Amino acid sequence: MYPVARPQADYARSLNVLSYAAKNYDSVVKSGFMVGLGETDDEIYELMRDLRNAGVQVVTIGQYLQPSPKHLPIERFVTPEKFAEYAEYGEKELGFIRVFSGPLVRSSFMAQEIWRKAREKAAAG
């Protein structure tokens, strides 16, 4: 969805930046994305694998909401059950420290709490 939603960005470059941060800084690396723009579940799971392989430890997943008629339209509203599936896959299958996934989750969702809990879990091994 990068060419459609973020034409000025480069997917590989974004993953490289996250990977660099994970390898070179003693910090929790977090990323986030929105769903509902026409992506498939397979694309979402692939993105999550790419993020985890880049060293990302925490992910936020939220529903895209069209801010104005000039922005991309909403293609689908993701169900709460599907958001729960994304979180379970990310934490149990991929090993993210935490996946915050829900219709109103945003990239800054519970940022201080995410950071504190992620640091505790990372320190515990």
PDB file of N, CA and C in Angstrom:
ATOM      1  N   MET A   1       0.817  -1.202   0.000  1.00  0.00           N
ATOM      2  CA  MET A   1       0.000   0.000   0.000  1.00  0.00           C
ATOM      3  C   MET A   1       0.862   1.267   0.000  1.00  0.00           C
ATOM      4  N   TYR A   2       2.174   1.118   0.166  1.00  0.00           N
ATOM      5  CA  TYR A   2       3.047   2.293   0.204  1.00  0.00           C
ATOM      6  C   TYR A   2       2.873   3.205  -1.004  1.00  0.00           C
ATOM      7  N   PRO A   3       2.871   2.682  -2.240  1.00  0.00           N
ATOM      8  CA  PRO A   3       2.747   3.586  -3.389  1.00  0.00           C
ATOM      9  C   PRO A   3       1.436   4.380  -3.391  1.00  0.00           C
ATOM     10  N   VAL A   4       0.399   3.818  -2.808  1.00  0.00           N
ATOM     11  CA  VAL A   4      -0.900   4.491  -2.778  1.00  0.00           C
ATOM     12  C   VAL A   4      -1.003   5.432  -1.581  1.00  0.00           C
ATOM     13  N   ALA A   5      -0.704   4.914  -0.408  1.00  0.00           N
ATOM     14  CA  ALA A   5      -0.920   5.682   0.826  1.00  0.00           C
ATOM     15  C   ALA A   5       0.230   6.623   1.167  1.00  0.00           C
ATOM     16  N   ARG A   6       1.449   6.257   0.803  1.00  0.00           N
ATOM     17  CA  ARG A   6       2.623   7.069   1.134  1.00  0.00           C
ATOM     18  C   ARG A   6       3.554   7.148  -0.070  1.00  0.00           C
ATOM     19  N   PRO A   7       3.111   7.774  -1.156  1.00  0.00           N
ATOM     20  CA  PRO A   7       3.922   7.773  -2.383  1.00  0.00           C
ATOM     21  C   PRO A   7       5.296   8.419  -2.234  1.00  0.00           C
ATOM     22  N   GLN A   8       5.467   9.291  -1.263  1.00  0.00           N
ATOM     23  CA  GLN A   8       6.752   9.950  -1.059  1.00  0.00           C
ATOM     24  C   GLN A   8       7.724   9.091  -0.265  1.00  0.00           C
ATOM     25  N   ALA A   9       7.248   7.979   0.289  1.00  0.00           N
ATOM     26  CA  ALA A   9       8.066   7.131   1.150  1.00  0.00           C
ATOM     27  C   ALA A   9       8.601   5.929   0.387  1.00  0.00           C
ATOM     28  N   ASP A  10       9.536   5.233   1.016  1.00  0.00           N
ATOM     29  CA  ASP A  10      10.121   4.038   0.439  1.00  0.00           C
ATOM     30  C   ASP A  10      10.092   2.937   1.504  1.00  0.00           C
ATOM     31  N   TYR A  11       9.400   1.845   1.205  1.00  0.00           N
ATOM     32  CA  TYR A  11       9.198   0.753   2.170  1.00  0.00           C
ATOM     33  C   TYR A  11      10.527   0.192   2.679  1.00  0.00           C
ATOM     34  N   ALA A  12      11.426  -0.135   1.775  1.00  0.00           N
ATOM     35  CA  ALA A  12      12.716  -0.708   2.172  1.00  0.00           C
ATOM     36  C   ALA A  12      13.509   0.263   3.034  1.00  0.00           C
ATOM     37  N   ARG A  13      13.490   1.539   2.682  1.00  0.00           N
ATOM     38  CA  ARG A  13      14.207   2.536   3.482  1.00  0.00           C
ATOM     39  C   ARG A  13      13.625   2.618   4.886  1.00  0.00           C
ATOM     40  N   SER A  14      12.304   2.580   4.989  1.00  0.00           N
ATOM     41  CA  SER A  14      11.667   2.621   6.307  1.00  0.00           C
ATOM     42  C   SER A  14      12.092   1.432   7.154  1.00  0.00           C
ATOM     43  N   LEU A  15      12.112   0.237   6.562  1.00  0.00           N
ATOM     44  CA  LEU A  15      12.553  -0.945   7.303  1.00  0.00           C
ATOM     45  C   LEU A  15      14.023  -0.835   7.691  1.00  0.00           C
ATOM     46  N   ASN A  16      14.837  -0.270   6.818  1.00  0.00           N
ATOM     47  CA  ASN A  16      16.262  -0.092   7.131  1.00  0.00           C
ATOM     48  C   ASN A  16      16.470   0.862   8.301  1.00  0.00           C
ATOM     49  N   VAL A  17      15.688   1.920   8.366  1.00  0.00           N
ATOM     50  CA  VAL A  17      15.789   2.864   9.490  1.00  0.00           C
ATOM     51  C   VAL A  17      15.435   2.150  10.801  1.00  0.00           C
ATOM     52  N   LEU A  18      14.354   1.382  10.787  1.00  0.00           N
ATOM     53  CA  LEU A  18      13.954   0.641  11.986  1.00  0.00           C
ATOM     54  C   LEU A  18      15.023  -0.373  12.385  1.00  0.00           C
ATOM     55  N   SER A  19      15.575  -1.065  11.416  1.00  0.00           N
ATOM     56  CA  SER A  19      16.619  -2.047  11.675  1.00  0.00           C
ATOM     57  C   SER A  19      17.863  -1.390  12.263  1.00  0.00           C
ATOM     58  N   TYR A  20      18.242  -0.245  11.714  1.00  0.00           N
ATOM     59  CA  TYR A  20      19.398   0.487  12.241  1.00  0.00           C
ATOM     60  C   TYR A  20      19.175   0.871  13.701  1.00  0.00           C
ATOM     61  N   ALA A  21      17.986   1.366  14.001  1.00  0.00           N
ATOM     62  CA  ALA A  21      17.676   1.751  15.386  1.00  0.00           C
ATOM     63  C   ALA A  21      17.730   0.547  16.314  1.00  0.00           C
ATOM     64  N   ALA A  22      17.196  -0.576  15.869  1.00  0.00           N
ATOM     65  CA  ALA A  22      17.179  -1.785  16.702  1.00  0.00           C
ATOM     66  C   ALA A  22      18.594  -2.294  16.983  1.00  0.00           C
ATOM     67  N   LYS A  23      19.485  -2.168  16.013  1.00  0.00           N
ATOM     68  CA  LYS A  23      20.847  -2.695  16.154  1.00  0.00           C
ATOM     69  C   LYS A  23      21.796  -1.744  16.877  1.00  0.00           C
ATOM     70  N   ASN A  24      21.511  -0.446  16.826  1.00  0.00           N
ATOM     71  CA  ASN A  24      22.493   0.532  17.297  1.00  0.00           C
ATOM     72  C   ASN A  24      22.111   1.330  18.522  1.00  0.00           C
ATOM     73  N   TYR A  25      20.914   1.138  19.030  1.00  0.00           N
ATOM     74  CA  TYR A  25      20.485   1.911  20.189  1.00  0.00           C
ATOM     75  C   TYR A  25      19.884   0.983  21.228  1.00  0.00           C
ATOM     76  N   ASP A  26      20.141   1.286  22.473  1.00  0.00           N
ATOM     77  CA  ASP A  26      19.565   0.521  23.576  1.00  0.00           C
ATOM     78  C   ASP A  26      18.193   1.106  23.885  1.00  0.00           C
ATOM     79  N   SER A  27      17.248   0.797  23.042  1.00  0.00           N
ATOM     80  CA  SER A  27      15.919   1.362  23.173  1.00  0.00           C
ATOM     81  C   SER A  27      14.903   0.391  22.599  1.00  0.00           C
ATOM     82  N   VAL A  28      13.668   0.556  22.998  1.00  0.00           N
ATOM     83  CA  VAL A  28      12.576  -0.222  22.432  1.00  0.00           C
ATOM     84  C   VAL A  28      12.209   0.400  21.091  1.00  0.00           C
ATOM     85  N   VAL A  29      12.163  -0.410  20.046  1.00  0.00           N
ATOM     86  CA  VAL A  29      11.816   0.077  18.715  1.00  0.00           C
ATOM     87  C   VAL A  29      10.348  -0.251  18.450  1.00  0.00           C
ATOM     88  N   LYS A  30       9.594   0.781  18.127  1.00  0.00           N
ATOM     89  CA  LYS A  30       8.154   0.657  17.905  1.00  0.00           C
ATOM     90  C   LYS A  30       7.805   1.194  16.531  1.00  0.00           C
ATOM     91  N   SER A  31       6.817   0.576  15.925  1.00  0.00           N
ATOM     92  CA  SER A  31       6.280   1.087  14.673  1.00  0.00           C
ATOM     93  C   SER A  31       4.774   0.901  14.712  1.00  0.00           C
ATOM     94  N   GLY A  32       4.097   1.502  13.768  1.00  0.00           N
ATOM     95  CA  GLY A  32       2.647   1.368  13.720  1.00  0.00           C
ATOM     96  C   GLY A  32       2.130   1.548  12.313  1.00  0.00           C
ATOM     97  N   PHE A  33       0.937   1.033  12.095  1.00  0.00           N
ATOM     98  CA  PHE A  33       0.315   1.185  10.782  1.00  0.00           C
ATOM     99  C   PHE A  33      -1.202   1.153  10.915  1.00  0.00           C
ATOM    100  N   MET A  34      -1.849   1.582   9.850  1.00  0.00           N
ATOM    101  CA  MET A  34      -3.310   1.615   9.798  1.00  0.00           C
ATOM    102  C   MET A  34      -3.796   0.580   8.800  1.00  0.00           C
ATOM    103  N   VAL A  35      -4.978   0.063   9.054  1.00  0.00           N
ATOM    104  CA  VAL A  35      -5.610  -0.875   8.141  1.00  0.00           C
ATOM    105  C   VAL A  35      -6.941  -0.299   7.682  1.00  0.00           C
ATOM    106  N   GLY A  36      -7.437  -0.830   6.580  1.00  0.00           N
ATOM    107  CA  GLY A  36      -8.708  -0.356   6.046  1.00  0.00           C
ATOM    108  C   GLY A  36      -8.569   0.395   4.739  1.00  0.00           C
ATOM    109  N   LEU A  37      -7.369   0.313   4.135  1.00  0.00           N
ATOM    110  CA  LEU A  37      -7.103   1.022   2.880  1.00  0.00           C
ATOM    111  C   LEU A  37      -7.159   0.115   1.656  1.00  0.00           C
ATOM    112  N   GLY A  38      -7.575  -1.129   1.859  1.00  0.00           N
ATOM    113  CA  GLY A  38      -7.653  -2.054   0.742  1.00  0.00           C
ATOM    114  C   GLY A  38      -6.621  -3.163   0.782  1.00  0.00           C
ATOM    115  N   GLU A  39      -5.826  -3.191   1.837  1.00  0.00           N
ATOM    116  CA  GLU A  39      -4.816  -4.230   1.978  1.00  0.00           C
ATOM    117  C   GLU A  39      -5.479  -5.580   2.314  1.00  0.00           C
ATOM    118  N   THR A  40      -4.775  -6.656   2.041  1.00  0.00           N
ATOM    119  CA  THR A  40      -5.261  -7.986   2.390  1.00  0.00           C
ATOM    120  C   THR A  40      -4.665  -8.417   3.727  1.00  0.00           C
ATOM    121  N   ASP A  41      -5.265  -9.427   4.329  1.00  0.00           N
ATOM    122  CA  ASP A  41      -4.687  -9.968   5.561  1.00  0.00           C
ATOM    123  C   ASP A  41      -3.280 -10.498   5.307  1.00  0.00           C
ATOM    124  N   ASP A  42      -3.058 -11.135   4.166  1.00  0.00           N
ATOM    125  CA  ASP A  42      -1.719 -11.632   3.849  1.00  0.00           C
ATOM    126  C   ASP A  42      -0.701 -10.493   3.822  1.00  0.00           C
ATOM    127  N   GLU A  43      -1.090  -9.342   3.279  1.00  0.00           N
ATOM    128  CA  GLU A  43      -0.190  -8.181   3.262  1.00  0.00           C
ATOM    129  C   GLU A  43       0.070  -7.666   4.672  1.00  0.00           C
ATOM    130  N   ILE A  44      -0.939  -7.699   5.515  1.00  0.00           N
ATOM    131  CA  ILE A  44      -0.761  -7.264   6.906  1.00  0.00           C
ATOM    132  C   ILE A  44       0.208  -8.192   7.625  1.00  0.00           C
ATOM    133  N   TYR A  45       0.021  -9.493   7.461  1.00  0.00           N
ATOM    134  CA  TYR A  45       0.918 -10.449   8.118  1.00  0.00           C
ATOM    135  C   TYR A  45       2.339 -10.338   7.573  1.00  0.00           C
ATOM    136  N   GLU A  46       2.477 -10.087   6.281  1.00  0.00           N
ATOM    137  CA  GLU A  46       3.805  -9.889   5.698  1.00  0.00           C
ATOM    138  C   GLU A  46       4.464  -8.643   6.277  1.00  0.00           C
ATOM    139  N   LEU A  47       3.717  -7.565   6.394  1.00  0.00           N
ATOM    140  CA  LEU A  47       4.243  -6.344   7.003  1.00  0.00           C
ATOM    141  C   LEU A  47       4.693  -6.604   8.433  1.00  0.00           C
ATOM    142  N   MET A  48       3.874  -7.324   9.187  1.00  0.00           N
ATOM    143  CA  MET A  48       4.245  -7.622  10.569  1.00  0.00           C
ATOM    144  C   MET A  48       5.533  -8.451  10.633  1.00  0.00           C
ATOM    145  N   ARG A  49       5.678  -9.421   9.736  1.00  0.00           N
ATOM    146  CA  ARG A  49       6.918 -10.214   9.690  1.00  0.00           C
ATOM    147  C   ARG A  49       8.112  -9.324   9.345  1.00  0.00           C
ATOM    148  N   ASP A  50       7.918  -8.438   8.370  1.00  0.00           N
ATOM    149  CA  ASP A  50       9.000  -7.526   7.991  1.00  0.00           C
ATOM    150  C   ASP A  50       9.412  -6.634   9.153  1.00  0.00           C
ATOM    151  N   LEU A  51       8.433  -6.126   9.890  1.00  0.00           N
ATOM    152  CA  LEU A  51       8.739  -5.275  11.044  1.00  0.00           C
ATOM    153  C   LEU A  51       9.502  -6.056  12.105  1.00  0.00           C
ATOM    154  N   ARG A  52       9.052  -7.267  12.375  1.00  0.00           N
ATOM    155  CA  ARG A  52       9.723  -8.077  13.398  1.00  0.00           C
ATOM    156  C   ARG A  52      11.135  -8.424  12.959  1.00  0.00           C
ATOM    157  N   ASN A  53      11.308  -8.776  11.683  1.00  0.00           N
ATOM    158  CA  ASN A  53      12.644  -9.082  11.160  1.00  0.00           C
ATOM    159  C   ASN A  53      13.567  -7.879  11.197  1.00  0.00           C
ATOM    160  N   ALA A  54      13.004  -6.691  11.162  1.00  0.00           N
ATOM    161  CA  ALA A  54      13.800  -5.461  11.259  1.00  0.00           C
ATOM    162  C   ALA A  54      14.172  -5.139  12.705  1.00  0.00           C
ATOM    163  N   GLY A  55      13.637  -5.902  13.658  1.00  0.00           N
ATOM    164  CA  GLY A  55      13.972  -5.668  15.059  1.00  0.00           C
ATOM    165  C   GLY A  55      12.942  -4.881  15.834  1.00  0.00           C
ATOM    166  N   VAL A  56      11.820  -4.582  15.212  1.00  0.00           N
ATOM    167  CA  VAL A  56      10.752  -3.863  15.907  1.00  0.00           C
ATOM    168  C   VAL A  56      10.217  -4.762  17.022  1.00  0.00           C
ATOM    169  N   GLN A  57       9.965  -4.167  18.184  1.00  0.00           N
ATOM    170  CA  GLN A  57       9.521  -4.926  19.351  1.00  0.00           C
ATOM    171  C   GLN A  57       8.067  -4.658  19.732  1.00  0.00           C
ATOM    172  N   VAL A  58       7.573  -3.493  19.376  1.00  0.00           N
ATOM    173  CA  VAL A  58       6.202  -3.100  19.716  1.00  0.00           C
ATOM    174  C   VAL A  58       5.539  -2.538  18.462  1.00  0.00           C
ATOM    175  N   VAL A  59       4.271  -2.919  18.256  1.00  0.00           N
ATOM    176  CA  VAL A  59       3.534  -2.459  17.077  1.00  0.00           C
ATOM    177  C   VAL A  59       2.166  -1.948  17.504  1.00  0.00           C
ATOM    178  N   THR A  60       1.727  -0.874  16.851  1.00  0.00           N
ATOM    179  CA  THR A  60       0.353  -0.403  16.997  1.00  0.00           C
ATOM    180  C   THR A  60      -0.339  -0.572  15.646  1.00  0.00           C
ATOM    181  N   ILE A  61      -1.574  -1.055  15.697  1.00  0.00           N
ATOM    182  CA  ILE A  61      -2.367  -1.251  14.481  1.00  0.00           C
ATOM    183  C   ILE A  61      -3.726  -0.603  14.712  1.00  0.00           C
ATOM    184  N   GLY A  62      -4.082   0.350  13.879  1.00  0.00           N
ATOM    185  CA  GLY A  62      -5.351   1.062  14.033  1.00  0.00           C
ATOM    186  C   GLY A  62      -6.140   1.114  12.736  1.00  0.00           C
ATOM    187  N   GLN A  63      -7.387   1.486  12.865  1.00  0.00           N
ATOM    188  CA  GLN A  63      -8.280   1.649  11.716  1.00  0.00           C
ATOM    189  C   GLN A  63      -8.011   2.978  11.026  1.00  0.00           C
ATOM    190  N   TYR A  64      -7.825   2.953   9.721  1.00  0.00           N
ATOM    191  CA  TYR A  64      -7.720   4.194   8.956  1.00  0.00           C
ATOM    192  C   TYR A  64      -9.078   4.875   8.956  1.00  0.00           C
ATOM    193  N   LEU A  65      -9.072   6.155   9.231  1.00  0.00           N
ATOM    194  CA  LEU A  65     -10.276   6.979   9.176  1.00  0.00           C
ATOM    195  C   LEU A  65      -9.990   8.150   8.237  1.00  0.00           C
ATOM    196  N   GLN A  66     -10.772   8.288   7.221  1.00  0.00           N
ATOM    197  CA  GLN A  66     -10.556   9.310   6.200  1.00  0.00           C
ATOM    198  C   GLN A  66     -10.716  10.706   6.816  1.00  0.00           C
ATOM    199  N   PRO A  67      -9.626  11.497   6.868  1.00  0.00           N
ATOM    200  CA  PRO A  67      -9.707  12.806   7.520  1.00  0.00           C
ATOM    201  C   PRO A  67     -10.492  13.860   6.748  1.00  0.00           C
ATOM    202  N   SER A  68     -10.557  13.720   5.426  1.00  0.00           N
ATOM    203  CA  SER A  68     -11.313  14.673   4.607  1.00  0.00           C
ATOM    204  C   SER A  68     -11.647  14.001   3.272  1.00  0.00           C
ATOM    205  N   PRO A  69     -12.567  14.570   2.516  1.00  0.00           N
ATOM    206  CA  PRO A  69     -12.886  13.993   1.195  1.00  0.00           C
ATOM    207  C   PRO A  69     -11.693  13.975   0.232  1.00  0.00           C
ATOM    208  N   LYS A  70     -10.675  14.767   0.503  1.00  0.00           N
ATOM    209  CA  LYS A  70      -9.495  14.806  -0.362  1.00  0.00           C
ATOM    210  C   LYS A  70      -8.530  13.642  -0.098  1.00  0.00           C
ATOM    211  N   HIS A  71      -8.734  12.949   1.008  1.00  0.00           N
ATOM    212  CA  HIS A  71      -7.857  11.834   1.375  1.00  0.00           C
ATOM    213  C   HIS A  71      -8.405  10.518   0.833  1.00  0.00           C
ATOM    214  N   LEU A  72      -7.588   9.485   0.916  1.00  0.00           N
ATOM    215  CA  LEU A  72      -8.001   8.170   0.445  1.00  0.00           C
ATOM    216  C   LEU A  72      -9.272   7.714   1.162  1.00  0.00           C
ATOM    217  N   PRO A  73     -10.169   7.057   0.442  1.00  0.00           N
ATOM    218  CA  PRO A  73     -11.392   6.568   1.072  1.00  0.00           C
ATOM    219  C   PRO A  73     -11.121   5.321   1.921  1.00  0.00           C
ATOM    220  N   ILE A  74     -11.995   5.074   2.872  1.00  0.00           N
ATOM    221  CA  ILE A  74     -11.934   3.852   3.662  1.00  0.00           C
ATOM    222  C   ILE A  74     -12.441   2.713   2.782  1.00  0.00           C
ATOM    223  N   GLU A  75     -11.667   1.654   2.689  1.00  0.00           N
ATOM    224  CA  GLU A  75     -12.065   0.499   1.885  1.00  0.00           C
ATOM    225  C   GLU A  75     -12.822  -0.535   2.717  1.00  0.00           C
ATOM    226  N   ARG A  76     -12.492  -0.619   4.002  1.00  0.00           N
ATOM    227  CA  ARG A  76     -13.196  -1.547   4.887  1.00  0.00           C
ATOM    228  C   ARG A  76     -13.001  -1.132   6.331  1.00  0.00           C
ATOM    229  N   PHE A  77     -13.970  -1.493   7.144  1.00  0.00           N
ATOM    230  CA  PHE A  77     -13.847  -1.349   8.583  1.00  0.00           C
ATOM    231  C   PHE A  77     -13.476  -2.718   9.132  1.00  0.00           C
ATOM    232  N   VAL A  78     -12.357  -2.785   9.801  1.00  0.00           N
ATOM    233  CA  VAL A  78     -11.851  -4.037  10.349  1.00  0.00           C
ATOM    234  C   VAL A  78     -12.600  -4.342  11.647  1.00  0.00           C
ATOM    235  N   THR A  79     -12.985  -5.590  11.813  1.00  0.00           N
ATOM    236  CA  THR A  79     -13.751  -5.987  13.006  1.00  0.00           C
ATOM    237  C   THR A  79     -12.841  -6.075  14.226  1.00  0.00           C
ATOM    238  N   PRO A  80     -13.416  -5.920  15.416  1.00  0.00           N
ATOM    239  CA  PRO A  80     -12.622  -6.109  16.640  1.00  0.00           C
ATOM    240  C   PRO A  80     -11.994  -7.502  16.706  1.00  0.00           C
ATOM    241  N   GLU A  81     -12.698  -8.502  16.196  1.00  0.00           N
ATOM    242  CA  GLU A  81     -12.161  -9.863  16.205  1.00  0.00           C
ATOM    243  C   GLU A  81     -10.911  -9.970  15.328  1.00  0.00           C
ATOM    244  N   LYS A  82     -10.927  -9.298  14.194  1.00  0.00           N
ATOM    245  CA  LYS A  82      -9.765  -9.322  13.303  1.00  0.00           C
ATOM    246  C   LYS A  82      -8.588  -8.580  13.932  1.00  0.00           C
ATOM    247  N   PHE A  83      -8.863  -7.442  14.591  1.00  0.00           N
ATOM    248  CA  PHE A  83      -7.790  -6.743  15.300  1.00  0.00           C
ATOM    249  C   PHE A  83      -7.174  -7.650  16.362  1.00  0.00           C
ATOM    250  N   ALA A  84      -8.000  -8.415  17.058  1.00  0.00           N
ATOM    251  CA  ALA A  84      -7.499  -9.354  18.072  1.00  0.00           C
ATOM    252  C   ALA A  84      -6.633 -10.435  17.426  1.00  0.00           C
ATOM    253  N   GLU A  85      -7.019 -10.903  16.244  1.00  0.00           N
ATOM    254  CA  GLU A  85      -6.208 -11.894  15.514  1.00  0.00           C
ATOM    255  C   GLU A  85      -4.834 -11.333  15.182  1.00  0.00           C
ATOM    256  N   TYR A  86      -4.800 -10.079  14.733  1.00  0.00           N
ATOM    257  CA  TYR A  86      -3.512  -9.456  14.415  1.00  0.00           C
ATOM    258  C   TYR A  86      -2.620  -9.417  15.652  1.00  0.00           C
ATOM    259  N   ALA A  87      -3.185  -9.022  16.782  1.00  0.00           N
ATOM    260  CA  ALA A  87      -2.403  -8.932  18.019  1.00  0.00           C
ATOM    261  C   ALA A  87      -1.891 -10.308  18.443  1.00  0.00           C
ATOM    262  N   GLU A  88      -2.756 -11.294  18.385  1.00  0.00           N
ATOM    263  CA  GLU A  88      -2.352 -12.643  18.783  1.00  0.00           C
ATOM    264  C   GLU A  88      -1.247 -13.176  17.871  1.00  0.00           C
ATOM    265  N   TYR A  89      -1.391 -12.988  16.590  1.00  0.00           N
ATOM    266  CA  TYR A  89      -0.365 -13.428  15.645  1.00  0.00           C
ATOM    267  C   TYR A  89       0.967 -12.741  15.943  1.00  0.00           C
ATOM    268  N   GLY A  90       0.917 -11.436  16.146  1.00  0.00           N
ATOM    269  CA  GLY A  90       2.148 -10.694  16.390  1.00  0.00           C
ATOM    270  C   GLY A  90       2.864 -11.100  17.663  1.00  0.00           C
ATOM    271  N   GLU A  91       2.104 -11.301  18.724  1.00  0.00           N
ATOM    272  CA  GLU A  91       2.724 -11.637  20.010  1.00  0.00           C
ATOM    273  C   GLU A  91       3.098 -13.119  20.101  1.00  0.00           C
ATOM    274  N   LYS A  92       2.198 -14.001  19.708  1.00  0.00           N
ATOM    275  CA  LYS A  92       2.450 -15.434  19.891  1.00  0.00           C
ATOM    276  C   LYS A  92       3.280 -16.053  18.776  1.00  0.00           C
ATOM    277  N   GLU A  93       3.038 -15.646  17.547  1.00  0.00           N
ATOM    278  CA  GLU A  93       3.749 -16.244  16.422  1.00  0.00           C
ATOM    279  C   GLU A  93       5.060 -15.529  16.087  1.00  0.00           C
ATOM    280  N   LEU A  94       5.053 -14.208  16.201  1.00  0.00           N
ATOM    281  CA  LEU A  94       6.231 -13.444  15.786  1.00  0.00           C
ATOM    282  C   LEU A  94       7.110 -12.989  16.934  1.00  0.00           C
ATOM    283  N   GLY A  95       6.580 -12.970  18.149  1.00  0.00           N
ATOM    284  CA  GLY A  95       7.393 -12.609  19.298  1.00  0.00           C
ATOM    285  C   GLY A  95       7.514 -11.127  19.598  1.00  0.00           C
ATOM    286  N   PHE A  96       6.580 -10.309  19.092  1.00  0.00           N
ATOM    287  CA  PHE A  96       6.590  -8.911  19.508  1.00  0.00           C
ATOM    288  C   PHE A  96       6.375  -8.849  21.018  1.00  0.00           C
ATOM    289  N   ILE A  97       7.007  -7.893  21.668  1.00  0.00           N
ATOM    290  CA  ILE A  97       6.768  -7.689  23.098  1.00  0.00           C
ATOM    291  C   ILE A  97       5.311  -7.350  23.326  1.00  0.00           C
ATOM    292  N   ARG A  98       4.789  -6.499  22.457  1.00  0.00           N
ATOM    293  CA  ARG A  98       3.378  -6.111  22.581  1.00  0.00           C
ATOM    294  C   ARG A  98       2.861  -5.623  21.244  1.00  0.00           C
ATOM    295  N   VAL A  99       1.626  -5.997  20.933  1.00  0.00           N
ATOM    296  CA  VAL A  99       0.913  -5.485  19.766  1.00  0.00           C
ATOM    297  C   VAL A  99      -0.373  -4.857  20.275  1.00  0.00           C
ATOM    298  N   PHE A 100      -0.497  -3.561  20.109  1.00  0.00           N
ATOM    299  CA  PHE A 100      -1.733  -2.857  20.438  1.00  0.00           C
ATOM    300  C   PHE A 100      -2.516  -2.750  19.143  1.00  0.00           C
ATOM    301  N   SER A 101      -3.682  -3.369  19.099  1.00  0.00           N
ATOM    302  CA  SER A 101      -4.418  -3.500  17.859  1.00  0.00           C
ATOM    303  C   SER A 101      -5.901  -3.272  18.112  1.00  0.00           C
ATOM    304  N   GLY A 102      -6.458  -2.232  17.500  1.00  0.00           N
ATOM    305  CA  GLY A 102      -7.872  -1.935  17.674  1.00  0.00           C
ATOM    306  C   GLY A 102      -8.273  -0.752  16.823  1.00  0.00           C
ATOM    307  N   PRO A 103      -9.573  -0.559  16.650  1.00  0.00           N
ATOM    308  CA  PRO A 103     -10.045   0.487  15.743  1.00  0.00           C
ATOM    309  C   PRO A 103      -9.600   1.896  16.119  1.00  0.00           C
ATOM    310  N   LEU A 104      -9.435   2.184  17.391  1.00  0.00           N
ATOM    311  CA  LEU A 104      -9.053   3.539  17.796  1.00  0.00           C
ATOM    312  C   LEU A 104      -7.598   3.647  18.250  1.00  0.00           C
ATOM    313  N   VAL A 105      -6.818   2.607  18.034  1.00  0.00           N
ATOM    314  CA  VAL A 105      -5.401   2.643  18.385  1.00  0.00           C
ATOM    315  C   VAL A 105      -4.678   3.545  17.392  1.00  0.00           C
ATOM    316  N   ARG A 106      -3.806   4.389  17.911  1.00  0.00           N
ATOM    317  CA  ARG A 106      -2.987   5.273  17.085  1.00  0.00           C
ATOM    318  C   ARG A 106      -1.523   5.068  17.461  1.00  0.00           C
ATOM    319  N   SER A 107      -0.622   5.621  16.687  1.00  0.00           N
ATOM    320  CA  SER A 107       0.806   5.363  16.897  1.00  0.00           C
ATOM    321  C   SER A 107       1.287   5.778  18.282  1.00  0.00           C
ATOM    322  N   SER A 108       0.661   6.772  18.866  1.00  0.00           N
ATOM    323  CA  SER A 108       1.078   7.217  20.200  1.00  0.00           C
ATOM    324  C   SER A 108       0.260   6.556  21.311  1.00  0.00           C
ATOM    325  N   PHE A 109      -0.548   5.560  20.969  1.00  0.00           N
ATOM    326  CA  PHE A 109      -1.438   4.898  21.910  1.00  0.00           C
ATOM    327  C   PHE A 109      -0.665   4.397  23.119  1.00  0.00           C
ATOM    328  N   MET A 110      -0.999   4.919  24.271  1.00  0.00           N
ATOM    329  CA  MET A 110      -0.401   4.504  25.546  1.00  0.00           C
ATOM    330  C   MET A 110       1.123   4.505  25.490  1.00  0.00           C
ATOM    331  N   ALA A 111       1.719   5.481  24.842  1.00  0.00           N
ATOM    332  CA  ALA A 111       3.155   5.489  24.570  1.00  0.00           C
ATOM    333  C   ALA A 111       4.004   5.305  25.826  1.00  0.00           C
ATOM    334  N   GLN A 112       3.703   6.009  26.888  1.00  0.00           N
ATOM    335  CA  GLN A 112       4.511   5.894  28.098  1.00  0.00           C
ATOM    336  C   GLN A 112       4.385   4.506  28.707  1.00  0.00           C
ATOM    337  N   GLU A 113       3.177   3.985  28.735  1.00  0.00           N
ATOM    338  CA  GLU A 113       2.954   2.644  29.280  1.00  0.00           C
ATOM    339  C   GLU A 113       3.613   1.587  28.410  1.00  0.00           C
ATOM    340  N   ILE A 114       3.535   1.741  27.096  1.00  0.00           N
ATOM    341  CA  ILE A 114       4.189   0.809  26.170  1.00  0.00           C
ATOM    342  C   ILE A 114       5.686   0.781  26.450  1.00  0.00           C
ATOM    343  N   TRP A 115       6.273   1.944  26.546  1.00  0.00           N
ATOM    344  CA  TRP A 115       7.715   2.038  26.759  1.00  0.00           C
ATOM    345  C   TRP A 115       8.111   1.361  28.067  1.00  0.00           C
ATOM    346  N   ARG A 116       7.393   1.652  29.144  1.00  0.00           N
ATOM    347  CA  ARG A 116       7.727   1.089  30.457  1.00  0.00           C
ATOM    348  C   ARG A 116       7.626  -0.432  30.442  1.00  0.00           C
ATOM    349  N   LYS A 117       6.514  -0.959  29.951  1.00  0.00           N
ATOM    350  CA  LYS A 117       6.323  -2.416  29.945  1.00  0.00           C
ATOM    351  C   LYS A 117       7.300  -3.106  29.000  1.00  0.00           C
ATOM    352  N   ALA A 118       7.557  -2.512  27.873  1.00  0.00           N
ATOM    353  CA  ALA A 118       8.485  -3.118  26.923  1.00  0.00           C
ATOM    354  C   ALA A 118       9.887  -3.174  27.498  1.00  0.00           C
ATOM    355  N   ARG A 119      10.313  -2.127  28.173  1.00  0.00           N
ATOM    356  CA  ARG A 119      11.637  -2.110  28.803  1.00  0.00           C
ATOM    357  C   ARG A 119      11.731  -3.179  29.878  1.00  0.00           C
ATOM    358  N   GLU A 120      10.662  -3.328  30.673  1.00  0.00           N
ATOM    359  CA  GLU A 120      10.660  -4.370  31.716  1.00  0.00           C
ATOM    360  C   GLU A 120      10.772  -5.761  31.095  1.00  0.00           C
ATOM    361  N   LYS A 121      10.000  -6.016  30.044  1.00  0.00           N
ATOM    362  CA  LYS A 121      10.016  -7.322  29.402  1.00  0.00           C
ATOM    363  C   LYS A 121      11.357  -7.579  28.722  1.00  0.00           C
ATOM    364  N   ALA A 122      11.909  -6.575  28.081  1.00  0.00           N
ATOM    365  CA  ALA A 122      13.202  -6.732  27.411  1.00  0.00           C
ATOM    366  C   ALA A 122      14.306  -7.014  28.430  1.00  0.00           C
ATOM    367  N   ALA A 123      14.247  -6.359  29.571  1.00  0.00           N
ATOM    368  CA  ALA A 123      15.248  -6.572  30.617  1.00  0.00           C
ATOM    369  C   ALA A 123      15.146  -7.972  31.223  1.00  0.00           C
ATOM    370  N   ALA A 124      13.931  -8.495  31.246  1.00  0.00           N
ATOM    371  CA  ALA A 124      13.725  -9.839  31.808  1.00  0.00           C
ATOM    372  C   ALA A 124      14.199 -10.936  30.854  1.00  0.00           C
ATOM    373  N   GLY A 125      14.408 -10.552  29.594  1.00  0.00           N
ATOM    374  CA  GLY A 125      14.934 -11.513  28.631  1.00  0.00           C
ATOM    375  C   GLY A 125      13.892 -12.039  27.759  1.00  0.00           C
TER     376      GLY A 125
END
